[in-house]
Amino acid sequence: MSVAGTYDTVVKSPMGDQKGTFTVVPGDDGETFSGSMAGGMGSMNTEDGKIDGNTLTWKMNMTVPMPMTLNCTATVDGDQLTGTVNAGAFGDMPLTGQRQG
């Protein structure tokens, strides 16, 4: 099953649950992807998106509430997405998602 799609996500952060919409658009090579994460604190584009089987890795540059690079990993199992968002000194925050549609 493809990892492509739009996921309703929740990141368990120190500031409470951050709900968002994560979009995955695989590249023609099947090994990279582009997309974005949009939520209550704005939208961030994915950078360095890589696909390894059903595992995704990517980075996002957060600006609000403070500038920080987030390193993310997630595994897609059917329509479920689970993983972590690493926020530097704040450590790993659990990420869960459900594919829309």
N, C-alpha and C. Protein backbone atom coordinates (compact mmCIF):
# COMPACT_ATOMS: atom_id res chain seq x y z
N MET A 1 0.84 -1.19 0.00
CA MET A 1 0.00 0.00 0.00
C MET A 1 0.88 1.25 0.00
N SER A 2 0.46 2.23 -0.73
CA SER A 2 1.21 3.46 -0.83
C SER A 2 1.14 4.26 0.47
N VAL A 3 2.20 5.02 0.74
CA VAL A 3 2.21 5.91 1.91
C VAL A 3 1.57 7.25 1.58
N ALA A 4 1.25 7.46 0.28
CA ALA A 4 0.69 8.73 -0.15
C ALA A 4 -0.64 9.00 0.51
N GLY A 5 -0.91 10.27 0.77
CA GLY A 5 -2.21 10.63 1.30
C GLY A 5 -2.16 11.81 2.23
N THR A 6 -3.30 12.08 2.80
CA THR A 6 -3.45 13.15 3.79
C THR A 6 -3.89 12.51 5.09
N TYR A 7 -3.19 12.83 6.16
CA TYR A 7 -3.42 12.21 7.46
C TYR A 7 -3.85 13.27 8.48
N ASP A 8 -4.86 12.94 9.29
CA ASP A 8 -5.20 13.76 10.44
C ASP A 8 -4.28 13.31 11.56
N THR A 9 -3.45 14.22 12.07
CA THR A 9 -2.41 13.83 13.02
C THR A 9 -2.57 14.53 14.37
N VAL A 10 -1.94 13.91 15.38
CA VAL A 10 -1.82 14.51 16.71
C VAL A 10 -0.38 14.29 17.16
N VAL A 11 0.27 15.39 17.57
CA VAL A 11 1.59 15.32 18.19
C VAL A 11 1.40 15.65 19.66
N LYS A 12 1.85 14.73 20.53
CA LYS A 12 1.75 14.96 21.98
C LYS A 12 2.95 15.80 22.40
N SER A 13 2.75 17.12 22.49
CA SER A 13 3.85 18.03 22.79
C SER A 13 3.77 18.51 24.24
N PRO A 14 4.85 19.15 24.71
CA PRO A 14 4.81 19.72 26.07
C PRO A 14 3.72 20.78 26.23
N MET A 15 3.24 21.34 25.11
CA MET A 15 2.19 22.35 25.16
C MET A 15 0.82 21.74 24.92
N GLY A 16 0.70 20.43 25.05
CA GLY A 16 -0.57 19.75 24.84
C GLY A 16 -0.63 19.13 23.45
N ASP A 17 -1.76 18.50 23.16
CA ASP A 17 -1.93 17.83 21.87
C ASP A 17 -2.00 18.87 20.75
N GLN A 18 -1.13 18.69 19.74
CA GLN A 18 -1.11 19.57 18.58
C GLN A 18 -1.72 18.80 17.41
N LYS A 19 -2.92 19.19 17.01
CA LYS A 19 -3.59 18.53 15.90
C LYS A 19 -3.17 19.18 14.60
N GLY A 20 -3.05 18.37 13.56
CA GLY A 20 -2.64 18.90 12.27
C GLY A 20 -3.06 18.00 11.13
N THR A 21 -2.71 18.43 9.94
CA THR A 21 -2.95 17.68 8.72
C THR A 21 -1.62 17.50 8.02
N PHE A 22 -1.21 16.24 7.84
CA PHE A 22 0.08 15.89 7.24
C PHE A 22 -0.19 15.33 5.85
N THR A 23 0.43 15.95 4.84
CA THR A 23 0.25 15.52 3.46
C THR A 23 1.54 14.90 2.95
N VAL A 24 1.43 13.72 2.33
CA VAL A 24 2.57 13.00 1.77
C VAL A 24 2.36 12.84 0.27
N VAL A 25 3.30 13.40 -0.53
CA VAL A 25 3.24 13.29 -1.99
C VAL A 25 4.54 12.63 -2.46
N PRO A 26 4.51 11.31 -2.73
CA PRO A 26 5.73 10.61 -3.15
C PRO A 26 6.26 11.17 -4.47
N GLY A 27 7.60 11.18 -4.58
CA GLY A 27 8.24 11.58 -5.82
C GLY A 27 8.18 10.46 -6.84
N ASP A 28 8.55 10.78 -8.09
CA ASP A 28 8.51 9.78 -9.16
C ASP A 28 9.44 8.61 -8.91
N ASP A 29 10.49 8.82 -8.09
CA ASP A 29 11.46 7.75 -7.82
C ASP A 29 10.96 6.77 -6.77
N GLY A 30 9.87 7.10 -6.07
CA GLY A 30 9.33 6.22 -5.04
C GLY A 30 10.16 6.18 -3.77
N GLU A 31 11.25 6.95 -3.72
CA GLU A 31 12.13 6.94 -2.55
C GLU A 31 12.13 8.27 -1.81
N THR A 32 11.50 9.29 -2.38
CA THR A 32 11.45 10.60 -1.75
C THR A 32 9.99 11.07 -1.72
N PHE A 33 9.72 12.06 -0.86
CA PHE A 33 8.39 12.65 -0.87
C PHE A 33 8.47 14.12 -0.47
N SER A 34 7.44 14.84 -0.89
CA SER A 34 7.27 16.22 -0.45
C SER A 34 5.94 16.28 0.27
N GLY A 35 5.68 17.39 0.92
CA GLY A 35 4.41 17.52 1.62
C GLY A 35 4.47 18.64 2.62
N SER A 36 3.51 18.62 3.53
CA SER A 36 3.45 19.67 4.54
C SER A 36 2.69 19.16 5.76
N MET A 37 2.89 19.91 6.86
CA MET A 37 2.15 19.67 8.10
C MET A 37 1.50 21.00 8.45
N ALA A 38 0.18 21.02 8.46
CA ALA A 38 -0.55 22.24 8.76
C ALA A 38 -1.35 22.05 10.04
N GLY A 39 -1.29 23.06 10.92
CA GLY A 39 -2.01 22.95 12.18
C GLY A 39 -2.29 24.32 12.77
N GLY A 40 -2.59 24.33 14.05
CA GLY A 40 -2.96 25.56 14.74
C GLY A 40 -1.85 26.60 14.78
N MET A 41 -0.60 26.17 14.60
CA MET A 41 0.52 27.11 14.64
C MET A 41 1.06 27.41 13.25
N GLY A 42 0.25 27.16 12.23
CA GLY A 42 0.68 27.45 10.87
C GLY A 42 1.04 26.19 10.11
N SER A 43 1.71 26.39 8.98
CA SER A 43 2.06 25.28 8.10
C SER A 43 3.57 25.21 7.92
N MET A 44 4.09 23.99 7.86
CA MET A 44 5.52 23.76 7.62
C MET A 44 5.65 22.79 6.47
N ASN A 45 6.55 23.07 5.53
CA ASN A 45 6.83 22.15 4.44
C ASN A 45 7.80 21.08 4.92
N THR A 46 7.64 19.87 4.39
CA THR A 46 8.60 18.81 4.69
C THR A 46 9.86 19.05 3.89
N GLU A 47 10.99 18.67 4.47
CA GLU A 47 12.28 18.75 3.78
C GLU A 47 12.97 17.41 3.93
N ASP A 48 13.77 17.04 2.93
CA ASP A 48 14.52 15.78 2.99
C ASP A 48 13.61 14.57 3.20
N GLY A 49 12.41 14.59 2.61
CA GLY A 49 11.48 13.49 2.79
C GLY A 49 11.98 12.22 2.11
N LYS A 50 12.09 11.14 2.89
CA LYS A 50 12.56 9.86 2.34
C LYS A 50 11.56 8.77 2.67
N ILE A 51 11.40 7.83 1.72
CA ILE A 51 10.52 6.68 1.89
C ILE A 51 11.37 5.42 1.85
N ASP A 52 11.25 4.59 2.89
CA ASP A 52 11.94 3.30 2.93
C ASP A 52 10.88 2.26 3.28
N GLY A 53 10.31 1.63 2.25
CA GLY A 53 9.20 0.70 2.48
C GLY A 53 7.99 1.47 2.95
N ASN A 54 7.57 1.21 4.21
CA ASN A 54 6.43 1.95 4.76
C ASN A 54 6.88 2.93 5.85
N THR A 55 8.19 3.23 5.88
CA THR A 55 8.74 4.16 6.86
C THR A 55 9.09 5.48 6.19
N LEU A 56 8.67 6.57 6.81
CA LEU A 56 8.94 7.92 6.33
C LEU A 56 9.90 8.62 7.28
N THR A 57 10.84 9.37 6.74
CA THR A 57 11.68 10.26 7.54
C THR A 57 11.69 11.61 6.86
N TRP A 58 11.65 12.67 7.65
CA TRP A 58 11.65 14.02 7.09
C TRP A 58 12.02 15.03 8.17
N LYS A 59 12.28 16.25 7.73
CA LYS A 59 12.55 17.37 8.62
C LYS A 59 11.56 18.47 8.34
N MET A 60 11.33 19.30 9.37
CA MET A 60 10.51 20.49 9.20
C MET A 60 11.15 21.62 9.99
N ASN A 61 11.13 22.82 9.45
CA ASN A 61 11.65 23.98 10.15
C ASN A 61 10.51 24.75 10.78
N MET A 62 10.41 24.62 12.10
CA MET A 62 9.35 25.29 12.86
C MET A 62 9.80 26.72 13.15
N THR A 63 8.86 27.66 13.12
CA THR A 63 9.18 29.05 13.47
C THR A 63 8.40 29.52 14.69
N VAL A 64 7.24 28.88 14.97
CA VAL A 64 6.40 29.27 16.10
C VAL A 64 6.24 28.08 17.03
N PRO A 65 6.39 28.19 18.33
CA PRO A 65 6.65 29.41 19.08
C PRO A 65 8.13 29.82 19.10
N MET A 66 9.02 28.97 18.56
CA MET A 66 10.44 29.32 18.50
C MET A 66 11.06 28.61 17.30
N PRO A 67 12.10 29.19 16.70
CA PRO A 67 12.74 28.52 15.56
C PRO A 67 13.42 27.23 16.01
N MET A 68 13.15 26.15 15.27
CA MET A 68 13.71 24.84 15.62
C MET A 68 13.52 23.90 14.44
N THR A 69 14.51 23.03 14.22
CA THR A 69 14.36 21.97 13.21
C THR A 69 13.80 20.74 13.89
N LEU A 70 12.72 20.22 13.33
CA LEU A 70 12.09 18.99 13.85
C LEU A 70 12.51 17.83 12.97
N ASN A 71 13.01 16.77 13.57
CA ASN A 71 13.38 15.54 12.85
C ASN A 71 12.31 14.51 13.12
N CYS A 72 11.67 14.03 12.04
CA CYS A 72 10.48 13.20 12.18
C CYS A 72 10.67 11.83 11.53
N THR A 73 10.05 10.83 12.15
CA THR A 73 10.03 9.46 11.63
C THR A 73 8.63 8.92 11.85
N ALA A 74 8.09 8.23 10.85
CA ALA A 74 6.77 7.62 11.02
C ALA A 74 6.68 6.37 10.16
N THR A 75 5.87 5.42 10.63
CA THR A 75 5.60 4.20 9.90
C THR A 75 4.11 4.17 9.56
N VAL A 76 3.82 3.83 8.30
CA VAL A 76 2.44 3.73 7.85
C VAL A 76 2.05 2.25 7.85
N ASP A 77 0.96 1.94 8.55
CA ASP A 77 0.44 0.57 8.59
C ASP A 77 -1.04 0.66 8.23
N GLY A 78 -1.36 0.33 6.97
CA GLY A 78 -2.72 0.51 6.49
C GLY A 78 -3.03 1.99 6.42
N ASP A 79 -4.03 2.44 7.19
CA ASP A 79 -4.39 3.85 7.22
C ASP A 79 -3.90 4.53 8.50
N GLN A 80 -3.10 3.81 9.30
CA GLN A 80 -2.58 4.36 10.55
C GLN A 80 -1.14 4.80 10.37
N LEU A 81 -0.80 5.92 11.00
CA LEU A 81 0.56 6.44 10.97
C LEU A 81 1.00 6.61 12.43
N THR A 82 2.18 6.07 12.76
CA THR A 82 2.72 6.24 14.11
C THR A 82 4.19 6.58 14.00
N GLY A 83 4.65 7.42 14.89
CA GLY A 83 6.06 7.80 14.86
C GLY A 83 6.41 8.79 15.93
N THR A 84 7.51 9.52 15.68
CA THR A 84 7.98 10.51 16.64
C THR A 84 8.42 11.76 15.92
N VAL A 85 8.31 12.86 16.65
CA VAL A 85 8.84 14.14 16.21
C VAL A 85 9.89 14.52 17.23
N ASN A 86 11.15 14.64 16.80
CA ASN A 86 12.22 15.01 17.71
C ASN A 86 12.39 16.51 17.67
N ALA A 87 12.22 17.15 18.82
CA ALA A 87 12.30 18.60 18.92
C ALA A 87 13.53 19.00 19.73
N GLY A 88 14.69 18.49 19.32
CA GLY A 88 15.95 18.88 19.95
C GLY A 88 15.95 18.66 21.44
N ALA A 89 16.15 19.74 22.20
CA ALA A 89 16.25 19.67 23.66
C ALA A 89 14.97 19.19 24.31
N PHE A 90 13.84 19.29 23.58
CA PHE A 90 12.55 18.85 24.14
C PHE A 90 12.34 17.36 23.96
N GLY A 91 13.23 16.69 23.22
CA GLY A 91 13.16 15.25 23.06
C GLY A 91 12.12 14.80 22.04
N ASP A 92 11.80 13.50 22.11
CA ASP A 92 10.87 12.88 21.18
C ASP A 92 9.43 13.07 21.66
N MET A 93 8.57 13.46 20.71
CA MET A 93 7.14 13.60 21.00
C MET A 93 6.39 12.60 20.12
N PRO A 94 5.48 11.82 20.72
CA PRO A 94 4.73 10.83 19.93
C PRO A 94 3.86 11.49 18.86
N LEU A 95 3.84 10.85 17.68
CA LEU A 95 3.03 11.30 16.54
C LEU A 95 2.11 10.15 16.15
N THR A 96 0.81 10.44 16.02
CA THR A 96 -0.13 9.45 15.52
C THR A 96 -0.97 10.10 14.43
N GLY A 97 -1.49 9.28 13.54
CA GLY A 97 -2.32 9.82 12.47
C GLY A 97 -3.23 8.78 11.86
N GLN A 98 -4.26 9.28 11.19
CA GLN A 98 -5.24 8.45 10.51
C GLN A 98 -5.43 9.02 9.11
N ARG A 99 -5.25 8.17 8.09
CA ARG A 99 -5.41 8.63 6.72
C ARG A 99 -6.86 9.06 6.47
N GLN A 100 -7.02 10.21 5.79
CA GLN A 100 -8.36 10.68 5.45
C GLN A 100 -8.92 9.86 4.30
N GLY A 101 -10.26 9.85 4.21
CA GLY A 101 -10.91 9.20 3.10
C GLY A 101 -11.03 7.73 3.29
